[in-house]
């Protein structure tokens, strides 16, 4: 067989890793913006802790991004929280579970939550 045959059938060089990473980061940023907009509309810009009427300052991942790539930008995995409740969650005082599209379950020290009720 001729050299031309091997040149036409050759497998193309893979894309450089830096290009692949840049492309993945761009898609990830687009998905993040879309997800955060959906969550803002769903929660009406308010903290989702029952009884809290504060404006939501942050979006909290129920299942952390580092633990599940599949649920990373799933709106059902993000819940809007005010800064104080988000701080309590990361301090381990309260825990949040469930599906943010349907119902969230907040457990922990009720006395610490009471300042917002």
N, C-alpha and C. Protein backbone atom coordinates (compact mmCIF):
# COMPACT_ATOMS: atom_id res chain seq x y z
N UNK A 1 0.83 -1.17 0.00
CA UNK A 1 0.00 0.00 0.00
C UNK A 1 0.88 1.24 0.00
N UNK A 2 0.33 2.30 -0.53
CA UNK A 2 1.11 3.53 -0.68
C UNK A 2 1.08 4.36 0.61
N UNK A 3 1.98 5.32 0.67
CA UNK A 3 2.04 6.22 1.81
C UNK A 3 0.80 7.11 1.89
N UNK A 4 0.19 7.42 0.74
CA UNK A 4 -1.02 8.25 0.73
C UNK A 4 -2.15 7.57 1.49
N UNK A 5 -2.23 6.25 1.37
CA UNK A 5 -3.29 5.51 2.06
C UNK A 5 -3.14 5.69 3.57
N UNK A 6 -1.93 5.57 4.08
CA UNK A 6 -1.71 5.69 5.51
C UNK A 6 -1.93 7.12 6.00
N UNK A 7 -1.63 8.10 5.18
CA UNK A 7 -1.87 9.50 5.58
C UNK A 7 -3.35 9.79 5.68
N UNK A 8 -4.17 9.26 4.80
CA UNK A 8 -5.62 9.52 4.83
C UNK A 8 -6.31 8.74 5.92
N UNK A 9 -5.76 7.62 6.31
CA UNK A 9 -6.38 6.78 7.35
C UNK A 9 -5.79 7.05 8.73
N UNK A 10 -4.85 7.94 8.80
CA UNK A 10 -4.18 8.19 10.07
C UNK A 10 -5.15 8.80 11.08
N UNK A 11 -4.95 8.44 12.31
CA UNK A 11 -5.76 8.98 13.39
C UNK A 11 -5.24 10.38 13.69
N UNK A 12 -6.14 11.36 13.75
CA UNK A 12 -5.68 12.72 14.02
C UNK A 12 -5.10 12.83 15.43
N UNK A 13 -4.21 13.79 15.60
CA UNK A 13 -3.60 14.01 16.91
C UNK A 13 -4.69 14.47 17.88
N UNK A 14 -4.62 13.99 19.10
CA UNK A 14 -5.62 14.44 20.08
C UNK A 14 -5.45 15.92 20.38
N UNK A 15 -6.54 16.52 20.80
CA UNK A 15 -6.52 17.93 21.16
C UNK A 15 -5.62 18.12 22.39
N UNK A 16 -4.84 19.18 22.44
CA UNK A 16 -4.00 19.42 23.62
C UNK A 16 -4.85 19.55 24.89
N UNK A 17 -4.31 19.09 26.00
CA UNK A 17 -5.07 19.12 27.27
C UNK A 17 -5.47 20.52 27.67
N UNK A 18 -4.63 21.51 27.39
CA UNK A 18 -4.96 22.88 27.79
C UNK A 18 -6.19 23.38 27.02
N UNK A 19 -6.33 22.97 25.77
CA UNK A 19 -7.50 23.36 24.97
C UNK A 19 -8.75 22.65 25.50
N UNK A 20 -8.62 21.37 25.81
CA UNK A 20 -9.74 20.61 26.35
C UNK A 20 -10.20 21.20 27.68
N UNK A 21 -9.26 21.56 28.54
CA UNK A 21 -9.60 22.15 29.83
C UNK A 21 -10.30 23.49 29.65
N UNK A 22 -9.79 24.32 28.77
CA UNK A 22 -10.40 25.63 28.52
C UNK A 22 -11.84 25.47 28.02
N UNK A 23 -12.05 24.51 27.11
CA UNK A 23 -13.38 24.26 26.58
C UNK A 23 -14.32 23.77 27.69
N UNK A 24 -13.83 22.87 28.55
CA UNK A 24 -14.64 22.34 29.65
C UNK A 24 -14.98 23.45 30.64
N UNK A 25 -14.02 24.33 30.94
CA UNK A 25 -14.27 25.45 31.85
C UNK A 25 -15.32 26.41 31.30
N UNK A 26 -15.29 26.63 30.00
CA UNK A 26 -16.26 27.52 29.36
C UNK A 26 -17.68 26.95 29.46
N UNK A 27 -17.81 25.66 29.21
CA UNK A 27 -19.11 24.99 29.31
C UNK A 27 -19.58 25.00 30.76
N UNK A 28 -18.67 24.76 31.70
CA UNK A 28 -19.00 24.76 33.11
C UNK A 28 -19.51 26.13 33.56
N UNK A 29 -18.87 27.19 33.11
CA UNK A 29 -19.29 28.55 33.46
C UNK A 29 -20.68 28.86 32.90
N UNK A 30 -20.94 28.41 31.68
CA UNK A 30 -22.26 28.61 31.08
C UNK A 30 -23.33 27.87 31.88
N UNK A 31 -23.04 26.62 32.25
CA UNK A 31 -23.99 25.83 33.04
C UNK A 31 -24.23 26.46 34.41
N UNK A 32 -23.18 26.99 35.01
CA UNK A 32 -23.32 27.64 36.32
C UNK A 32 -24.24 28.85 36.25
N UNK A 33 -24.03 29.70 35.25
CA UNK A 33 -24.88 30.89 35.10
C UNK A 33 -26.35 30.50 34.92
N UNK A 34 -26.60 29.52 34.07
CA UNK A 34 -27.97 29.08 33.82
C UNK A 34 -28.61 28.50 35.08
N UNK A 35 -27.86 27.69 35.80
CA UNK A 35 -28.38 27.07 37.02
C UNK A 35 -28.69 28.12 38.09
N UNK A 36 -27.78 29.04 38.30
CA UNK A 36 -28.00 30.08 39.31
C UNK A 36 -29.21 30.96 38.97
N UNK A 37 -29.44 31.21 37.70
CA UNK A 37 -30.62 31.99 37.29
C UNK A 37 -31.90 31.23 37.59
N UNK A 38 -31.92 29.93 37.32
CA UNK A 38 -33.09 29.09 37.61
C UNK A 38 -33.37 29.08 39.11
N UNK A 39 -32.32 28.95 39.92
CA UNK A 39 -32.48 28.90 41.38
C UNK A 39 -32.98 30.24 41.90
N UNK A 40 -32.45 31.35 41.38
CA UNK A 40 -32.92 32.68 41.81
C UNK A 40 -34.42 32.85 41.54
N UNK A 41 -34.85 32.44 40.36
CA UNK A 41 -36.28 32.56 40.01
C UNK A 41 -37.13 31.63 40.87
N UNK A 42 -36.67 30.41 41.08
CA UNK A 42 -37.44 29.44 41.86
C UNK A 42 -37.62 29.90 43.30
N UNK A 43 -36.56 30.43 43.91
CA UNK A 43 -36.59 30.81 45.32
C UNK A 43 -37.00 32.27 45.54
N UNK A 44 -37.28 32.99 44.48
CA UNK A 44 -37.71 34.39 44.55
C UNK A 44 -36.73 35.27 45.32
N UNK A 45 -35.45 34.90 45.29
CA UNK A 45 -34.42 35.70 45.93
C UNK A 45 -34.46 35.69 47.44
N UNK A 46 -35.15 34.73 48.05
CA UNK A 46 -35.28 34.66 49.50
C UNK A 46 -34.62 33.39 50.05
N UNK A 47 -34.23 33.45 51.32
CA UNK A 47 -33.65 32.30 52.01
C UNK A 47 -34.71 31.21 52.14
N UNK A 48 -34.32 29.96 51.89
CA UNK A 48 -35.26 28.85 51.92
C UNK A 48 -35.44 28.21 53.29
N UNK A 49 -34.72 28.67 54.31
CA UNK A 49 -34.91 28.12 55.65
C UNK A 49 -36.31 28.53 56.12
N UNK A 50 -37.12 27.57 56.57
CA UNK A 50 -38.50 27.89 56.98
C UNK A 50 -38.54 29.00 58.03
N UNK A 51 -39.34 29.99 57.78
CA UNK A 51 -39.52 31.10 58.69
C UNK A 51 -38.57 32.26 58.47
N UNK A 52 -37.56 32.10 57.68
CA UNK A 52 -36.59 33.17 57.42
C UNK A 52 -37.12 34.04 56.28
N UNK A 53 -37.07 35.34 56.47
CA UNK A 53 -37.55 36.27 55.44
C UNK A 53 -36.42 37.10 54.84
N UNK A 54 -35.19 36.74 55.17
CA UNK A 54 -34.04 37.49 54.67
C UNK A 54 -33.83 37.26 53.18
N UNK A 55 -33.17 38.22 52.55
CA UNK A 55 -32.79 38.10 51.14
C UNK A 55 -31.70 37.05 51.02
N UNK A 56 -31.79 36.22 50.00
CA UNK A 56 -30.77 35.19 49.77
C UNK A 56 -29.49 35.86 49.27
N UNK A 57 -28.40 35.55 49.91
CA UNK A 57 -27.12 36.12 49.52
C UNK A 57 -26.27 35.11 48.76
N UNK A 58 -26.52 33.82 49.01
CA UNK A 58 -25.66 32.79 48.44
C UNK A 58 -26.48 31.57 48.05
N UNK A 59 -25.95 30.81 47.12
CA UNK A 59 -26.54 29.53 46.74
C UNK A 59 -25.69 28.43 47.36
N UNK A 60 -26.34 27.49 48.04
CA UNK A 60 -25.63 26.41 48.71
C UNK A 60 -25.88 25.09 47.99
N UNK A 61 -24.82 24.33 47.75
CA UNK A 61 -24.96 23.00 47.16
C UNK A 61 -25.31 22.01 48.26
N UNK A 62 -26.42 21.31 48.11
CA UNK A 62 -26.82 20.31 49.10
C UNK A 62 -25.79 19.18 49.09
N UNK A 63 -25.50 18.66 47.91
CA UNK A 63 -24.39 17.71 47.74
C UNK A 63 -23.26 18.53 47.15
N UNK A 64 -22.14 18.61 47.87
CA UNK A 64 -21.04 19.48 47.44
C UNK A 64 -20.57 19.17 46.02
N UNK A 65 -20.14 20.21 45.32
CA UNK A 65 -19.66 20.06 43.94
C UNK A 65 -18.55 19.03 43.83
N UNK A 66 -17.69 19.00 44.81
CA UNK A 66 -16.56 18.07 44.77
C UNK A 66 -16.98 16.62 44.95
N UNK A 67 -18.16 16.39 45.48
CA UNK A 67 -18.64 15.03 45.73
C UNK A 67 -19.41 14.43 44.57
N UNK A 68 -20.00 15.27 43.71
CA UNK A 68 -20.80 14.75 42.61
C UNK A 68 -20.71 15.67 41.40
N UNK A 69 -19.98 15.23 40.42
CA UNK A 69 -19.86 16.02 39.18
C UNK A 69 -21.20 16.07 38.44
N UNK A 70 -21.98 15.01 38.52
CA UNK A 70 -23.26 14.94 37.82
C UNK A 70 -24.26 15.95 38.38
N UNK A 71 -24.23 16.19 39.69
CA UNK A 71 -25.20 17.11 40.31
C UNK A 71 -24.62 18.50 40.51
N UNK A 72 -23.45 18.74 39.96
CA UNK A 72 -22.73 19.99 40.17
C UNK A 72 -23.59 21.22 39.89
N UNK A 73 -24.22 21.28 38.75
CA UNK A 73 -25.06 22.43 38.39
C UNK A 73 -26.50 22.01 38.15
N UNK A 74 -26.99 21.07 38.93
CA UNK A 74 -28.38 20.65 38.90
C UNK A 74 -29.16 21.59 39.83
N UNK A 75 -30.17 22.31 39.33
CA UNK A 75 -30.91 23.24 40.19
C UNK A 75 -31.55 22.57 41.41
N UNK A 76 -31.86 21.29 41.32
CA UNK A 76 -32.42 20.58 42.46
C UNK A 76 -31.39 20.39 43.57
N UNK A 77 -30.13 20.64 43.29
CA UNK A 77 -29.06 20.48 44.27
C UNK A 77 -28.65 21.81 44.89
N UNK A 78 -29.18 22.93 44.41
CA UNK A 78 -28.83 24.25 44.95
C UNK A 78 -30.02 24.85 45.69
N UNK A 79 -29.73 25.45 46.82
CA UNK A 79 -30.75 26.11 47.62
C UNK A 79 -30.24 27.50 47.99
N UNK A 80 -31.13 28.48 47.93
CA UNK A 80 -30.76 29.85 48.28
C UNK A 80 -30.78 30.02 49.80
N UNK A 81 -29.72 30.62 50.33
CA UNK A 81 -29.62 30.86 51.78
C UNK A 81 -29.14 32.28 52.03
N UNK A 82 -29.59 32.83 53.17
CA UNK A 82 -29.04 34.12 53.60
C UNK A 82 -27.62 33.84 54.12
N UNK A 83 -26.85 34.87 54.29
CA UNK A 83 -25.45 34.71 54.71
C UNK A 83 -25.34 34.03 56.07
N UNK A 84 -26.24 34.37 57.01
CA UNK A 84 -26.16 33.78 58.35
C UNK A 84 -26.46 32.28 58.34
N UNK A 85 -27.49 31.87 57.62
CA UNK A 85 -27.82 30.45 57.56
C UNK A 85 -26.76 29.66 56.79
N UNK A 86 -26.18 30.28 55.78
CA UNK A 86 -25.11 29.61 55.04
C UNK A 86 -23.90 29.39 55.95
N UNK A 87 -23.60 30.38 56.77
CA UNK A 87 -22.50 30.26 57.73
C UNK A 87 -22.78 29.14 58.73
N UNK A 88 -24.02 29.07 59.24
CA UNK A 88 -24.39 28.01 60.18
C UNK A 88 -24.26 26.63 59.53
N UNK A 89 -24.62 26.52 58.26
CA UNK A 89 -24.52 25.24 57.56
C UNK A 89 -23.07 24.79 57.46
N UNK A 90 -22.18 25.69 57.08
CA UNK A 90 -20.78 25.32 56.93
C UNK A 90 -20.06 25.15 58.26
N UNK A 91 -20.63 25.70 59.33
CA UNK A 91 -20.07 25.50 60.66
C UNK A 91 -20.52 24.17 61.25
N UNK A 92 -21.47 23.51 60.59
CA UNK A 92 -21.95 22.21 61.04
C UNK A 92 -23.06 22.30 62.08
N UNK A 93 -23.59 23.49 62.31
CA UNK A 93 -24.65 23.67 63.29
C UNK A 93 -25.98 23.14 62.75
N UNK A 94 -26.24 23.35 61.47
CA UNK A 94 -27.44 22.81 60.84
C UNK A 94 -27.01 21.98 59.63
N UNK A 95 -27.89 21.10 59.20
CA UNK A 95 -27.64 20.35 57.97
C UNK A 95 -28.87 20.46 57.08
N UNK A 96 -28.64 20.43 55.79
CA UNK A 96 -29.71 20.57 54.80
C UNK A 96 -29.64 19.37 53.88
N UNK A 97 -30.79 18.74 53.66
CA UNK A 97 -30.86 17.62 52.74
C UNK A 97 -32.16 17.72 51.96
N UNK A 98 -32.34 16.81 51.03
CA UNK A 98 -33.56 16.78 50.24
C UNK A 98 -33.34 17.29 48.83
N UNK A 99 -34.44 17.52 48.16
CA UNK A 99 -34.44 18.00 46.78
C UNK A 99 -34.94 19.44 46.80
N UNK A 100 -34.13 20.37 46.40
CA UNK A 100 -34.48 21.79 46.50
C UNK A 100 -35.68 22.15 45.62
N UNK A 101 -35.94 21.38 44.57
CA UNK A 101 -37.11 21.66 43.73
C UNK A 101 -38.41 21.30 44.43
N UNK A 102 -38.34 20.37 45.37
CA UNK A 102 -39.56 19.92 46.04
C UNK A 102 -39.59 20.36 47.50
N UNK A 103 -38.72 19.76 48.33
CA UNK A 103 -38.73 20.04 49.75
C UNK A 103 -37.33 19.84 50.31
N UNK A 104 -36.92 20.78 51.17
CA UNK A 104 -35.63 20.60 51.84
C UNK A 104 -35.90 20.24 53.29
N UNK A 105 -34.98 19.50 53.87
CA UNK A 105 -35.08 19.08 55.26
C UNK A 105 -33.93 19.73 56.01
N UNK A 106 -34.26 20.55 57.00
CA UNK A 106 -33.26 21.26 57.79
C UNK A 106 -33.25 20.63 59.18
N UNK A 107 -32.10 20.15 59.59
CA UNK A 107 -31.96 19.56 60.93
C UNK A 107 -30.79 20.23 61.63
N UNK A 108 -30.83 20.17 62.95
CA UNK A 108 -29.73 20.75 63.72
C UNK A 108 -30.23 21.48 64.93
N UNK A 109 -29.44 22.40 65.41
CA UNK A 109 -29.72 23.16 66.62
C UNK A 109 -30.82 24.20 66.35
N UNK A 110 -32.03 23.92 66.83
CA UNK A 110 -33.17 24.81 66.60
C UNK A 110 -32.96 26.16 67.28
N UNK A 111 -32.31 26.15 68.41
CA UNK A 111 -32.07 27.41 69.14
C UNK A 111 -31.19 28.36 68.34
N UNK A 112 -30.27 27.83 67.55
CA UNK A 112 -29.41 28.67 66.72
C UNK A 112 -30.17 29.22 65.52
N UNK A 113 -31.20 28.50 65.08
CA UNK A 113 -32.02 28.97 63.95
C UNK A 113 -33.00 30.04 64.41
N UNK A 114 -33.35 30.02 65.67
CA UNK A 114 -34.42 30.86 66.18
C UNK A 114 -34.19 32.35 65.98
N UNK A 115 -32.93 32.78 65.85
CA UNK A 115 -32.67 34.21 65.70
C UNK A 115 -33.27 34.77 64.41
N UNK A 116 -33.59 33.92 63.44
CA UNK A 116 -34.18 34.36 62.20
C UNK A 116 -35.69 34.09 62.13
N UNK A 117 -36.23 33.31 63.07
CA UNK A 117 -37.65 32.93 63.02
C UNK A 117 -38.56 34.00 63.54
